[in-house]
């Protein structure tokens, strides 16, 4: 019998919350207002990062974006979260990165 005192109930939602929490711990520079979630797309998993609630962070130059994207990709790859990262600003996709590019 499973103890009621365990921190997780081991449901899919609990595991998703935990894995996103671990991802954020590896990327402490990621604004808390940035929404992060995963979705399945066929056999692939995509990690979405939505910057709609912190658009000021989108004002970085291309070099800064490449560095941020690479750090996020390494964190995602380390945890085995997804095959791709998609950067969004609300409904608009502002960037995409396959984790195969960093291998």
PDB file of N, CA and C in Angstrom:
ATOM      1  N   UNK A   1       0.843  -1.173   0.000  1.00  0.00           N
ATOM      2  CA  UNK A   1       0.000   0.000   0.000  1.00  0.00           C
ATOM      3  C   UNK A   1       0.891   1.240   0.000  1.00  0.00           C
ATOM      4  N   UNK A   2       0.532   2.236  -0.814  1.00  0.00           N
ATOM      5  CA  UNK A   2       1.313   3.459  -0.959  1.00  0.00           C
ATOM      6  C   UNK A   2       1.021   4.396   0.207  1.00  0.00           C
ATOM      7  N   UNK A   3       2.068   4.946   0.788  1.00  0.00           N
ATOM      8  CA  UNK A   3       1.909   5.861   1.910  1.00  0.00           C
ATOM      9  C   UNK A   3       1.329   7.198   1.460  1.00  0.00           C
ATOM     10  N   UNK A   4       0.430   7.762   2.233  1.00  0.00           N
ATOM     11  CA  UNK A   4      -0.171   9.072   1.954  1.00  0.00           C
ATOM     12  C   UNK A   4       0.838  10.197   2.164  1.00  0.00           C
ATOM     13  N   UNK A   5       1.950   9.927   2.835  1.00  0.00           N
ATOM     14  CA  UNK A   5       2.928  10.956   3.158  1.00  0.00           C
ATOM     15  C   UNK A   5       3.956  11.193   2.053  1.00  0.00           C
ATOM     16  N   UNK A   6       3.930  10.390   0.992  1.00  0.00           N
ATOM     17  CA  UNK A   6       4.862  10.599  -0.099  1.00  0.00           C
ATOM     18  C   UNK A   6       4.547  11.924  -0.793  1.00  0.00           C
ATOM     19  N   UNK A   7       5.564  12.625  -1.271  1.00  0.00           N
ATOM     20  CA  UNK A   7       5.317  13.930  -1.874  1.00  0.00           C
ATOM     21  C   UNK A   7       4.588  13.863  -3.214  1.00  0.00           C
ATOM     22  N   UNK A   8       4.669  12.755  -3.920  1.00  0.00           N
ATOM     23  CA  UNK A   8       3.993  12.613  -5.208  1.00  0.00           C
ATOM     24  C   UNK A   8       3.006  11.452  -5.166  1.00  0.00           C
ATOM     25  N   UNK A   9       1.929  11.603  -5.912  1.00  0.00           N
ATOM     26  CA  UNK A   9       0.979  10.506  -6.052  1.00  0.00           C
ATOM     27  C   UNK A   9       1.317   9.642  -7.255  1.00  0.00           C
ATOM     28  N   UNK A  10       2.367  10.049  -8.006  1.00  0.00           N
ATOM     29  CA  UNK A  10       2.820   9.324  -9.178  1.00  0.00           C
ATOM     30  C   UNK A  10       1.779   9.268 -10.281  1.00  0.00           C
ATOM     31  N   UNK A  11       0.983  10.309 -10.397  1.00  0.00           N
ATOM     32  CA  UNK A  11       0.089  10.427 -11.542  1.00  0.00           C
ATOM     33  C   UNK A  11       0.851  11.138 -12.641  1.00  0.00           C
ATOM     34  N   UNK A  12       0.337  11.091 -13.849  1.00  0.00           N
ATOM     35  CA  UNK A  12       0.990  11.772 -14.966  1.00  0.00           C
ATOM     36  C   UNK A  12       1.172  13.255 -14.683  1.00  0.00           C
ATOM     37  N   UNK A  13       0.172  13.883 -14.105  1.00  0.00           N
ATOM     38  CA  UNK A  13       0.257  15.311 -13.798  1.00  0.00           C
ATOM     39  C   UNK A  13       1.360  15.583 -12.782  1.00  0.00           C
ATOM     40  N   UNK A  14       1.445  14.759 -11.733  1.00  0.00           N
ATOM     41  CA  UNK A  14       2.501  14.934 -10.730  1.00  0.00           C
ATOM     42  C   UNK A  14       3.885  14.794 -11.354  1.00  0.00           C
ATOM     43  N   UNK A  15       4.042  13.819 -12.240  1.00  0.00           N
ATOM     44  CA  UNK A  15       5.338  13.611 -12.872  1.00  0.00           C
ATOM     45  C   UNK A  15       5.679  14.762 -13.813  1.00  0.00           C
ATOM     46  N   UNK A  16       4.689  15.293 -14.537  1.00  0.00           N
ATOM     47  CA  UNK A  16       4.927  16.451 -15.407  1.00  0.00           C
ATOM     48  C   UNK A  16       5.352  17.658 -14.590  1.00  0.00           C
ATOM     49  N   UNK A  17       4.691  17.900 -13.488  1.00  0.00           N
ATOM     50  CA  UNK A  17       5.028  19.026 -12.618  1.00  0.00           C
ATOM     51  C   UNK A  17       6.457  18.872 -12.108  1.00  0.00           C
ATOM     52  N   UNK A  18       6.811  17.681 -11.710  1.00  0.00           N
ATOM     53  CA  UNK A  18       8.155  17.433 -11.174  1.00  0.00           C
ATOM     54  C   UNK A  18       9.219  17.615 -12.253  1.00  0.00           C
ATOM     55  N   UNK A  19       8.984  17.115 -13.435  1.00  0.00           N
ATOM     56  CA  UNK A  19       9.993  17.210 -14.485  1.00  0.00           C
ATOM     57  C   UNK A  19      10.170  18.667 -14.930  1.00  0.00           C
ATOM     58  N   UNK A  20       9.104  19.440 -14.984  1.00  0.00           N
ATOM     59  CA  UNK A  20       9.215  20.864 -15.326  1.00  0.00           C
ATOM     60  C   UNK A  20       9.948  21.608 -14.207  1.00  0.00           C
ATOM     61  N   UNK A  21       9.685  21.222 -12.972  1.00  0.00           N
ATOM     62  CA  UNK A  21      10.392  21.824 -11.843  1.00  0.00           C
ATOM     63  C   UNK A  21      11.898  21.554 -11.938  1.00  0.00           C
ATOM     64  N   UNK A  22      12.265  20.343 -12.308  1.00  0.00           N
ATOM     65  CA  UNK A  22      13.679  19.995 -12.448  1.00  0.00           C
ATOM     66  C   UNK A  22      14.312  20.747 -13.623  1.00  0.00           C
ATOM     67  N   UNK A  23      13.562  20.898 -14.702  1.00  0.00           N
ATOM     68  CA  UNK A  23      14.053  21.664 -15.847  1.00  0.00           C
ATOM     69  C   UNK A  23      14.322  23.111 -15.444  1.00  0.00           C
ATOM     70  N   UNK A  24      13.380  23.709 -14.720  1.00  0.00           N
ATOM     71  CA  UNK A  24      13.559  25.095 -14.268  1.00  0.00           C
ATOM     72  C   UNK A  24      14.748  25.215 -13.308  1.00  0.00           C
ATOM     73  N   UNK A  25      15.000  24.194 -12.518  1.00  0.00           N
ATOM     74  CA  UNK A  25      16.147  24.229 -11.598  1.00  0.00           C
ATOM     75  C   UNK A  25      17.466  24.230 -12.376  1.00  0.00           C
ATOM     76  N   UNK A  26      17.491  23.546 -13.520  1.00  0.00           N
ATOM     77  CA  UNK A  26      18.691  23.533 -14.355  1.00  0.00           C
ATOM     78  C   UNK A  26      18.831  24.814 -15.183  1.00  0.00           C
ATOM     79  N   UNK A  27      17.744  25.582 -15.289  1.00  0.00           N
ATOM     80  CA  UNK A  27      17.748  26.826 -16.066  1.00  0.00           C
ATOM     81  C   UNK A  27      17.201  27.970 -15.211  1.00  0.00           C
ATOM     82  N   UNK A  28      17.932  28.344 -14.151  1.00  0.00           N
ATOM     83  CA  UNK A  28      17.412  29.358 -13.230  1.00  0.00           C
ATOM     84  C   UNK A  28      17.255  30.742 -13.849  1.00  0.00           C
ATOM     85  N   UNK A  29      17.870  30.970 -15.005  1.00  0.00           N
ATOM     86  CA  UNK A  29      17.745  32.242 -15.709  1.00  0.00           C
ATOM     87  C   UNK A  29      16.403  32.368 -16.439  1.00  0.00           C
ATOM     88  N   UNK A  30      15.675  31.272 -16.550  1.00  0.00           N
ATOM     89  CA  UNK A  30      14.382  31.278 -17.227  1.00  0.00           C
ATOM     90  C   UNK A  30      13.365  32.020 -16.360  1.00  0.00           C
ATOM     91  N   UNK A  31      12.728  33.073 -16.895  1.00  0.00           N
ATOM     92  CA  UNK A  31      11.773  33.839 -16.077  1.00  0.00           C
ATOM     93  C   UNK A  31      10.622  32.963 -15.581  1.00  0.00           C
ATOM     94  N   UNK A  32      10.185  33.188 -14.366  1.00  0.00           N
ATOM     95  CA  UNK A  32       9.072  32.417 -13.807  1.00  0.00           C
ATOM     96  C   UNK A  32       7.789  32.622 -14.598  1.00  0.00           C
ATOM     97  N   UNK A  33       7.653  33.782 -15.259  1.00  0.00           N
ATOM     98  CA  UNK A  33       6.449  34.069 -16.034  1.00  0.00           C
ATOM     99  C   UNK A  33       6.404  33.290 -17.351  1.00  0.00           C
ATOM    100  N   UNK A  34       7.540  32.727 -17.750  1.00  0.00           N
ATOM    101  CA  UNK A  34       7.589  31.960 -18.989  1.00  0.00           C
ATOM    102  C   UNK A  34       6.889  30.620 -18.759  1.00  0.00           C
ATOM    103  N   UNK A  35       5.822  30.379 -19.533  1.00  0.00           N
ATOM    104  CA  UNK A  35       5.102  29.100 -19.425  1.00  0.00           C
ATOM    105  C   UNK A  35       5.913  27.994 -20.087  1.00  0.00           C
ATOM    106  N   UNK A  36       5.982  26.850 -19.430  1.00  0.00           N
ATOM    107  CA  UNK A  36       6.722  25.700 -19.961  1.00  0.00           C
ATOM    108  C   UNK A  36       5.802  24.483 -19.892  1.00  0.00           C
ATOM    109  N   UNK A  37       5.673  23.785 -21.026  1.00  0.00           N
ATOM    110  CA  UNK A  37       4.885  22.554 -21.041  1.00  0.00           C
ATOM    111  C   UNK A  37       5.369  21.662 -22.172  1.00  0.00           C
ATOM    112  N   UNK A  38       4.975  20.380 -22.105  1.00  0.00           N
ATOM    113  CA  UNK A  38       5.356  19.398 -23.120  1.00  0.00           C
ATOM    114  C   UNK A  38       4.111  18.888 -23.829  1.00  0.00           C
ATOM    115  N   UNK A  39       4.310  18.547 -25.106  1.00  0.00           N
ATOM    116  CA  UNK A  39       3.245  17.922 -25.890  1.00  0.00           C
ATOM    117  C   UNK A  39       3.850  16.840 -26.766  1.00  0.00           C
ATOM    118  N   UNK A  40       3.057  15.818 -27.018  1.00  0.00           N
ATOM    119  CA  UNK A  40       3.473  14.762 -27.939  1.00  0.00           C
ATOM    120  C   UNK A  40       3.085  15.161 -29.355  1.00  0.00           C
ATOM    121  N   UNK A  41       3.973  14.838 -30.300  1.00  0.00           N
ATOM    122  CA  UNK A  41       3.704  15.075 -31.712  1.00  0.00           C
ATOM    123  C   UNK A  41       4.165  13.820 -32.447  1.00  0.00           C
ATOM    124  N   UNK A  42       3.247  12.892 -32.641  1.00  0.00           N
ATOM    125  CA  UNK A  42       3.622  11.602 -33.205  1.00  0.00           C
ATOM    126  C   UNK A  42       4.494  10.861 -32.213  1.00  0.00           C
ATOM    127  N   UNK A  43       5.717  10.500 -32.639  1.00  0.00           N
ATOM    128  CA  UNK A  43       6.656   9.815 -31.745  1.00  0.00           C
ATOM    129  C   UNK A  43       7.599  10.785 -31.041  1.00  0.00           C
ATOM    130  N   UNK A  44       7.468  12.072 -31.338  1.00  0.00           N
ATOM    131  CA  UNK A  44       8.342  13.083 -30.754  1.00  0.00           C
ATOM    132  C   UNK A  44       7.649  13.828 -29.626  1.00  0.00           C
ATOM    133  N   UNK A  45       8.459  14.352 -28.737  1.00  0.00           N
ATOM    134  CA  UNK A  45       7.969  15.196 -27.654  1.00  0.00           C
ATOM    135  C   UNK A  45       8.552  16.580 -27.852  1.00  0.00           C
ATOM    136  N   UNK A  46       7.701  17.592 -27.715  1.00  0.00           N
ATOM    137  CA  UNK A  46       8.127  18.979 -27.894  1.00  0.00           C
ATOM    138  C   UNK A  46       7.977  19.700 -26.571  1.00  0.00           C
ATOM    139  N   UNK A  47       9.014  20.441 -26.202  1.00  0.00           N
ATOM    140  CA  UNK A  47       8.960  21.285 -25.014  1.00  0.00           C
ATOM    141  C   UNK A  47       8.696  22.705 -25.485  1.00  0.00           C
ATOM    142  N   UNK A  48       7.574  23.273 -25.031  1.00  0.00           N
ATOM    143  CA  UNK A  48       7.189  24.636 -25.404  1.00  0.00           C
ATOM    144  C   UNK A  48       7.574  25.603 -24.305  1.00  0.00           C
ATOM    145  N   UNK A  49       8.096  26.755 -24.725  1.00  0.00           N
ATOM    146  CA  UNK A  49       8.398  27.849 -23.809  1.00  0.00           C
ATOM    147  C   UNK A  49       7.672  29.076 -24.352  1.00  0.00           C
ATOM    148  N   UNK A  50       6.687  29.571 -23.613  1.00  0.00           N
ATOM    149  CA  UNK A  50       5.877  30.698 -24.065  1.00  0.00           C
ATOM    150  C   UNK A  50       6.252  31.944 -23.278  1.00  0.00           C
ATOM    151  N   UNK A  51       6.747  32.956 -23.977  1.00  0.00           N
ATOM    152  CA  UNK A  51       7.254  34.196 -23.392  1.00  0.00           C
ATOM    153  C   UNK A  51       6.196  35.298 -23.394  1.00  0.00           C
ATOM    154  N   UNK A  52       4.924  35.000 -23.638  1.00  0.00           N
ATOM    155  CA  UNK A  52       3.883  36.022 -23.764  1.00  0.00           C
ATOM    156  C   UNK A  52       3.745  36.881 -22.509  1.00  0.00           C
ATOM    157  N   UNK A  53       3.952  36.300 -21.345  1.00  0.00           N
ATOM    158  CA  UNK A  53       3.805  37.047 -20.085  1.00  0.00           C
ATOM    159  C   UNK A  53       5.085  37.765 -19.662  1.00  0.00           C
ATOM    160  N   UNK A  54       6.150  37.643 -20.456  1.00  0.00           N
ATOM    161  CA  UNK A  54       7.397  38.360 -20.149  1.00  0.00           C
ATOM    162  C   UNK A  54       8.050  38.790 -21.468  1.00  0.00           C
ATOM    163  N   UNK A  55       7.329  39.590 -22.281  1.00  0.00           N
ATOM    164  CA  UNK A  55       7.853  39.964 -23.607  1.00  0.00           C
ATOM    165  C   UNK A  55       9.147  40.767 -23.545  1.00  0.00           C
ATOM    166  N   UNK A  56       9.427  41.409 -22.421  1.00  0.00           N
ATOM    167  CA  UNK A  56      10.670  42.169 -22.293  1.00  0.00           C
ATOM    168  C   UNK A  56      11.886  41.266 -22.459  1.00  0.00           C
ATOM    169  N   UNK A  57      11.744  39.993 -22.145  1.00  0.00           N
ATOM    170  CA  UNK A  57      12.846  39.042 -22.281  1.00  0.00           C
ATOM    171  C   UNK A  57      13.145  38.722 -23.742  1.00  0.00           C
ATOM    172  N   UNK A  58      12.199  39.015 -24.634  1.00  0.00           N
ATOM    173  CA  UNK A  58      12.401  38.717 -26.048  1.00  0.00           C
ATOM    174  C   UNK A  58      13.277  39.765 -26.726  1.00  0.00           C
ATOM    175  N   UNK A  59      13.640  40.823 -26.024  1.00  0.00           N
ATOM    176  CA  UNK A  59      14.425  41.894 -26.600  1.00  0.00           C
ATOM    177  C   UNK A  59      15.905  41.589 -26.720  1.00  0.00           C
ATOM    178  N   UNK A  60      16.311  40.358 -26.503  1.00  0.00           N
ATOM    179  CA  UNK A  60      17.729  39.995 -26.577  1.00  0.00           C
ATOM    180  C   UNK A  60      18.190  39.968 -28.035  1.00  0.00           C
ATOM    181  N   UNK A  61      19.484  40.164 -28.223  1.00  0.00           N
ATOM    182  CA  UNK A  61      20.015  40.069 -29.588  1.00  0.00           C
ATOM    183  C   UNK A  61      20.168  38.590 -29.976  1.00  0.00           C
ATOM    184  N   UNK A  62      20.509  38.358 -31.239  1.00  0.00           N
ATOM    185  CA  UNK A  62      20.559  36.985 -31.745  1.00  0.00           C
ATOM    186  C   UNK A  62      21.610  36.133 -31.029  1.00  0.00           C
ATOM    187  N   UNK A  63      22.748  36.709 -30.715  1.00  0.00           N
ATOM    188  CA  UNK A  63      23.805  35.967 -30.012  1.00  0.00           C
ATOM    189  C   UNK A  63      23.329  35.519 -28.626  1.00  0.00           C
ATOM    190  N   UNK A  64      22.660  36.427 -27.901  1.00  0.00           N
ATOM    191  CA  UNK A  64      22.133  36.075 -26.573  1.00  0.00           C
ATOM    192  C   UNK A  64      21.082  34.980 -26.690  1.00  0.00           C
ATOM    193  N   UNK A  65      20.228  35.065 -27.721  1.00  0.00           N
ATOM    194  CA  UNK A  65      19.201  34.040 -27.918  1.00  0.00           C
ATOM    195  C   UNK A  65      19.825  32.685 -28.195  1.00  0.00           C
ATOM    196  N   UNK A  66      20.870  32.662 -28.992  1.00  0.00           N
ATOM    197  CA  UNK A  66      21.521  31.391 -29.300  1.00  0.00           C
ATOM    198  C   UNK A  66      22.115  30.762 -28.049  1.00  0.00           C
ATOM    199  N   UNK A  67      22.716  31.587 -27.197  1.00  0.00           N
ATOM    200  CA  UNK A  67      23.285  31.077 -25.956  1.00  0.00           C
ATOM    201  C   UNK A  67      22.206  30.549 -25.018  1.00  0.00           C
ATOM    202  N   UNK A  68      21.112  31.313 -24.871  1.00  0.00           N
ATOM    203  CA  UNK A  68      19.994  30.885 -24.015  1.00  0.00           C
ATOM    204  C   UNK A  68      19.393  29.589 -24.558  1.00  0.00           C
ATOM    205  N   UNK A  69      19.150  29.544 -25.870  1.00  0.00           N
ATOM    206  CA  UNK A  69      18.543  28.356 -26.482  1.00  0.00           C
ATOM    207  C   UNK A  69      19.423  27.134 -26.276  1.00  0.00           C
ATOM    208  N   UNK A  70      20.728  27.305 -26.410  1.00  0.00           N
ATOM    209  CA  UNK A  70      21.644  26.178 -26.232  1.00  0.00           C
ATOM    210  C   UNK A  70      21.628  25.679 -24.790  1.00  0.00           C
ATOM    211  N   UNK A  71      21.636  26.592 -23.827  1.00  0.00           N
ATOM    212  CA  UNK A  71      21.575  26.188 -22.416  1.00  0.00           C
ATOM    213  C   UNK A  71      20.262  25.466 -22.111  1.00  0.00           C
ATOM    214  N   UNK A  72      19.155  25.971 -22.652  1.00  0.00           N
ATOM    215  CA  UNK A  72      17.862  25.310 -22.451  1.00  0.00           C
ATOM    216  C   UNK A  72      17.850  23.935 -23.110  1.00  0.00           C
ATOM    217  N   UNK A  73      18.442  23.838 -24.288  1.00  0.00           N
ATOM    218  CA  UNK A  73      18.489  22.553 -25.001  1.00  0.00           C
ATOM    219  C   UNK A  73      19.318  21.537 -24.232  1.00  0.00           C
ATOM    220  N   UNK A  74      20.471  21.956 -23.693  1.00  0.00           N
ATOM    221  CA  UNK A  74      21.292  21.038 -22.899  1.00  0.00           C
ATOM    222  C   UNK A  74      20.538  20.574 -21.650  1.00  0.00           C
ATOM    223  N   UNK A  75      19.816  21.486 -21.000  1.00  0.00           N
ATOM    224  CA  UNK A  75      19.032  21.116 -19.813  1.00  0.00           C
ATOM    225  C   UNK A  75      17.950  20.118 -20.183  1.00  0.00           C
ATOM    226  N   UNK A  76      17.280  20.375 -21.292  1.00  0.00           N
ATOM    227  CA  UNK A  76      16.218  19.485 -21.769  1.00  0.00           C
ATOM    228  C   UNK A  76      16.779  18.113 -22.128  1.00  0.00           C
ATOM    229  N   UNK A  77      17.907  18.106 -22.824  1.00  0.00           N
ATOM    230  CA  UNK A  77      18.541  16.848 -23.223  1.00  0.00           C
ATOM    231  C   UNK A  77      19.015  16.063 -22.004  1.00  0.00           C
ATOM    232  N   UNK A  78      19.595  16.747 -21.032  1.00  0.00           N
ATOM    233  CA  UNK A  78      20.084  16.096 -19.813  1.00  0.00           C
ATOM    234  C   UNK A  78      18.957  15.346 -19.099  1.00  0.00           C
ATOM    235  N   UNK A  79      17.783  15.959 -19.058  1.00  0.00           N
ATOM    236  CA  UNK A  79      16.638  15.329 -18.387  1.00  0.00           C
ATOM    237  C   UNK A  79      15.855  14.391 -19.304  1.00  0.00           C
ATOM    238  N   UNK A  80      16.179  14.381 -20.581  1.00  0.00           N
ATOM    239  CA  UNK A  80      15.450  13.539 -21.537  1.00  0.00           C
ATOM    240  C   UNK A  80      14.006  13.968 -21.716  1.00  0.00           C
ATOM    241  N   UNK A  81      13.760  15.277 -21.720  1.00  0.00           N
ATOM    242  CA  UNK A  81      12.389  15.793 -21.746  1.00  0.00           C
ATOM    243  C   UNK A  81      11.737  15.798 -23.115  1.00  0.00           C
ATOM    244  N   UNK A  82      12.508  16.088 -24.158  1.00  0.00           N
ATOM    245  CA  UNK A  82      11.881  16.297 -25.459  1.00  0.00           C
ATOM    246  C   UNK A  82      12.900  16.116 -26.572  1.00  0.00           C
ATOM    247  N   UNK A  83      12.373  16.086 -27.806  1.00  0.00           N
ATOM    248  CA  UNK A  83      13.213  16.013 -28.991  1.00  0.00           C
ATOM    249  C   UNK A  83      13.439  17.402 -29.596  1.00  0.00           C
ATOM    250  N   UNK A  84      12.541  18.344 -29.261  1.00  0.00           N
ATOM    251  CA  UNK A  84      12.605  19.688 -29.829  1.00  0.00           C
ATOM    252  C   UNK A  84      12.150  20.716 -28.809  1.00  0.00           C
ATOM    253  N   UNK A  85      12.642  21.946 -28.998  1.00  0.00           N
ATOM    254  CA  UNK A  85      12.186  23.096 -28.211  1.00  0.00           C
ATOM    255  C   UNK A  85      11.477  24.047 -29.163  1.00  0.00           C
ATOM    256  N   UNK A  86      10.358  24.584 -28.719  1.00  0.00           N
ATOM    257  CA  UNK A  86       9.650  25.604 -29.490  1.00  0.00           C
ATOM    258  C   UNK A  86       9.496  26.825 -28.603  1.00  0.00           C
ATOM    259  N   UNK A  87       9.967  27.963 -29.112  1.00  0.00           N
ATOM    260  CA  UNK A  87       9.868  29.227 -28.398  1.00  0.00           C
ATOM    261  C   UNK A  87       8.689  29.996 -28.970  1.00  0.00           C
ATOM    262  N   UNK A  88       7.792  30.429 -28.085  1.00  0.00           N
ATOM    263  CA  UNK A  88       6.574  31.108 -28.521  1.00  0.00           C
ATOM    264  C   UNK A  88       6.419  32.442 -27.811  1.00  0.00           C
ATOM    265  N   UNK A  89       5.687  33.320 -28.450  1.00  0.00           N
ATOM    266  CA  UNK A  89       5.215  34.554 -27.847  1.00  0.00           C
ATOM    267  C   UNK A  89       3.711  34.555 -28.067  1.00  0.00           C
ATOM    268  N   UNK A  90       2.988  33.928 -27.142  1.00  0.00           N
ATOM    269  CA  UNK A  90       1.550  33.723 -27.334  1.00  0.00           C
ATOM    270  C   UNK A  90       1.338  32.691 -28.431  1.00  0.00           C
ATOM    271  N   UNK A  91       0.580  33.070 -29.462  1.00  0.00           N
ATOM    272  CA  UNK A  91       0.306  32.153 -30.574  1.00  0.00           C
ATOM    273  C   UNK A  91       1.410  32.150 -31.625  1.00  0.00           C
ATOM    274  N   UNK A  92       2.320  33.116 -31.569  1.00  0.00           N
ATOM    275  CA  UNK A  92       3.372  33.249 -32.567  1.00  0.00           C
ATOM    276  C   UNK A  92       4.599  32.429 -32.179  1.00  0.00           C
ATOM    277  N   UNK A  93       5.063  31.592 -33.099  1.00  0.00           N
ATOM    278  CA  UNK A  93       6.298  30.833 -32.890  1.00  0.00           C
ATOM    279  C   UNK A  93       7.461  31.738 -33.283  1.00  0.00           C
ATOM    280  N   UNK A  94       8.388  31.959 -32.338  1.00  0.00           N
ATOM    281  CA  UNK A  94       9.523  32.843 -32.598  1.00  0.00           C
ATOM    282  C   UNK A  94      10.832  32.071 -32.762  1.00  0.00           C
ATOM    283  N   UNK A  95      10.812  30.785 -32.513  1.00  0.00           N
ATOM    284  CA  UNK A  95      12.003  29.975 -32.696  1.00  0.00           C
ATOM    285  C   UNK A  95      11.730  28.507 -32.475  1.00  0.00           C
ATOM    286  N   UNK A  96      12.581  27.672 -33.058  1.00  0.00           N
ATOM    287  CA  UNK A  96      12.450  26.234 -32.920  1.00  0.00           C
ATOM    288  C   UNK A  96      13.843  25.628 -32.951  1.00  0.00           C
ATOM    289  N   UNK A  97      14.056  24.599 -32.169  1.00  0.00           N
ATOM    290  CA  UNK A  97      15.371  23.947 -32.131  1.00  0.00           C
ATOM    291  C   UNK A  97      15.182  22.454 -31.912  1.00  0.00           C
ATOM    292  N   UNK A  98      15.808  21.680 -32.781  1.00  0.00           N
ATOM    293  CA  UNK A  98      15.818  20.225 -32.617  1.00  0.00           C
ATOM    294  C   UNK A  98      16.999  19.861 -31.728  1.00  0.00           C
ATOM    295  N   UNK A  99      16.775  18.955 -30.786  1.00  0.00           N
ATOM    296  CA  UNK A  99      17.874  18.552 -29.918  1.00  0.00           C
ATOM    297  C   UNK A  99      18.907  17.715 -30.651  1.00  0.00           C
ATOM    298  N   UNK A 100      18.571  17.238 -31.834  1.00  0.00           N
ATOM    299  CA  UNK A 100      19.554  16.529 -32.654  1.00  0.00           C
ATOM    300  C   UNK A 100      20.660  17.478 -33.088  1.00  0.00           C
ATOM    301  N   UNK A 101      20.356  18.794 -33.130  1.00  0.00           N
ATOM    302  CA  UNK A 101      21.345  19.793 -33.552  1.00  0.00           C
ATOM    303  C   UNK A 101      22.476  19.926 -32.527  1.00  0.00           C
ATOM    304  N   UNK A 102      22.222  19.589 -31.274  1.00  0.00           N
ATOM    305  CA  UNK A 102      23.248  19.772 -30.261  1.00  0.00           C
ATOM    306  C   UNK A 102      24.022  18.499 -29.973  1.00  0.00           C
ATOM    307  N   UNK A 103      23.576  17.376 -30.524  1.00  0.00           N
ATOM    308  CA  UNK A 103      24.237  16.102 -30.252  1.00  0.00           C
ATOM    309  C   UNK A 103      25.588  15.992 -30.905  1.00  0.00           C
TER     310      UNK A 103
END
